[in-house]
């Protein structure tokens, strides 16, 4: 089972979600940890290769952007509540910066 690594404030943000959203996202993350496909996800190639989004409806639209293709862990780049049809530019840019920092750190390790 892969561990989950929370980048930046992603875990703190998740903890602010309603209990139903936290429970559902936790279950989907557990599926990822075991190498299984989550129930509601979509690829996010605009952020980076292998980056995807977990989607939950629980009194609102809640999202986790993650990278699970690396063998050592599932990396959560960001957690947020989606308020419009498109993912907000600041959320996408934050995910890109965190992904770039993660990949740079792995290259230098």
Protein backbone atom coordinates (compact mmCIF):
# COMPACT_ATOMS: atom_id res chain seq x y z
CA UNK A 1 0.00 0.00 0.00
CA UNK A 2 1.39 3.40 -1.01
CA UNK A 3 1.56 6.16 1.59
CA UNK A 4 -0.16 9.49 0.94
CA UNK A 5 1.99 12.63 1.06
CA UNK A 6 0.15 15.92 1.48
CA UNK A 7 1.89 18.87 -0.17
CA UNK A 8 1.56 22.41 1.15
CA UNK A 9 -1.68 23.05 3.03
CA UNK A 10 -3.67 20.34 1.22
CA UNK A 11 -4.36 18.27 4.36
CA UNK A 12 -5.41 21.34 6.37
CA UNK A 13 -7.78 22.33 3.57
CA UNK A 14 -9.26 18.81 3.40
CA UNK A 15 -9.97 18.96 7.13
CA UNK A 16 -12.17 22.02 6.51
CA UNK A 17 -14.48 20.06 4.17
CA UNK A 18 -17.83 18.65 5.37
CA UNK A 19 -17.58 15.21 7.02
CA UNK A 20 -19.31 13.46 4.09
CA UNK A 21 -16.81 14.90 1.60
CA UNK A 22 -13.84 13.96 3.81
CA UNK A 23 -15.15 10.40 4.18
CA UNK A 24 -15.74 9.92 0.45
CA UNK A 25 -12.39 11.44 -0.55
CA UNK A 26 -10.62 9.33 2.08
CA UNK A 27 -12.19 6.19 0.63
CA UNK A 28 -11.13 7.15 -2.89
CA UNK A 29 -7.58 7.89 -1.71
CA UNK A 30 -7.47 4.46 -0.08
CA UNK A 31 -8.40 2.88 -3.42
CA UNK A 32 -5.49 4.75 -5.01
CA UNK A 33 -3.14 3.58 -2.27
CA UNK A 34 -4.01 -0.02 -3.16
CA UNK A 35 -3.50 0.59 -6.88
CA UNK A 36 -7.22 0.58 -7.68
CA UNK A 37 -9.17 3.13 -9.69
CA UNK A 38 -11.20 5.65 -7.68
CA UNK A 39 -14.92 5.92 -8.43
CA UNK A 40 -15.03 9.53 -9.67
CA UNK A 41 -11.91 11.06 -11.17
CA UNK A 42 -10.64 12.74 -14.30
CA UNK A 43 -7.17 13.33 -15.73
CA UNK A 44 -5.74 16.85 -15.44
CA UNK A 45 -3.11 17.02 -18.22
CA UNK A 46 -3.21 20.82 -18.06
CA UNK A 47 -1.39 20.50 -14.72
CA UNK A 48 1.00 17.70 -15.63
CA UNK A 49 1.44 14.17 -16.93
CA UNK A 50 -0.20 11.67 -14.62
CA UNK A 51 -2.03 14.28 -12.55
CA UNK A 52 -5.70 13.59 -11.83
CA UNK A 53 -8.61 15.02 -9.89
CA UNK A 54 -10.84 13.21 -7.38
CA UNK A 55 -14.39 14.58 -7.49
CA UNK A 56 -16.99 14.54 -4.71
CA UNK A 57 -20.43 16.13 -4.42
CA UNK A 58 -21.37 16.60 -0.76
CA UNK A 59 -23.27 19.85 -0.28
CA UNK A 60 -20.91 21.34 -2.84
CA UNK A 61 -18.20 20.28 -5.26
CA UNK A 62 -14.99 19.19 -3.50
CA UNK A 63 -11.78 18.24 -5.27
CA UNK A 64 -8.38 16.71 -4.60
CA UNK A 65 -5.67 17.05 -7.24
CA UNK A 66 -3.16 14.21 -6.97
CA UNK A 67 -0.31 12.34 -8.61
CA UNK A 68 -0.41 8.56 -8.14
CA UNK A 69 1.75 7.32 -11.03
CA UNK A 70 5.01 7.43 -9.04
CA UNK A 71 5.85 4.08 -7.44
CA UNK A 72 6.61 5.30 -3.92
CA UNK A 73 3.49 7.27 -2.95
CA UNK A 74 0.29 9.10 -3.78
CA UNK A 75 1.03 12.84 -3.70
CA UNK A 76 -1.85 15.21 -2.96
CA UNK A 77 -1.06 18.51 -4.64
CA UNK A 78 -4.15 20.46 -3.57
CA UNK A 79 -7.60 20.17 -1.99
CA UNK A 80 -10.29 22.77 -2.61
CA UNK A 81 -13.98 23.46 -3.05
CA UNK A 82 -14.89 24.07 -6.67
CA UNK A 83 -17.25 26.99 -7.16
CA UNK A 84 -17.57 27.16 -10.95
CA UNK A 85 -17.63 24.82 -13.92
CA UNK A 86 -13.94 25.34 -14.68
CA UNK A 87 -11.15 24.86 -12.18
CA UNK A 88 -10.01 28.32 -11.11
CA UNK A 89 -6.69 29.51 -12.56
CA UNK A 90 -5.10 30.09 -9.10
CA UNK A 91 -5.86 26.46 -8.15
CA UNK A 92 -4.34 25.15 -11.39
CA UNK A 93 -1.25 27.34 -11.01
CA UNK A 94 -0.77 26.25 -7.38
CA UNK A 95 -0.93 22.60 -8.45
CA UNK A 96 1.61 23.20 -11.23
CA UNK A 97 4.04 24.88 -8.81
CA UNK A 98 3.71 22.06 -6.28
CA UNK A 99 4.18 19.43 -8.99
CA UNK A 100 7.29 21.18 -10.34
CA UNK A 101 8.74 21.43 -6.82
CA UNK A 102 8.01 17.75 -6.15
CA UNK A 103 9.63 16.60 -9.39
CA UNK A 104 12.67 18.85 -8.83
CA UNK A 105 13.08 17.47 -5.30
CA UNK A 106 12.92 13.89 -6.59
CA UNK A 107 15.60 14.64 -9.23
CA UNK A 108 17.98 16.01 -6.58
CA UNK A 109 17.37 13.28 -4.00
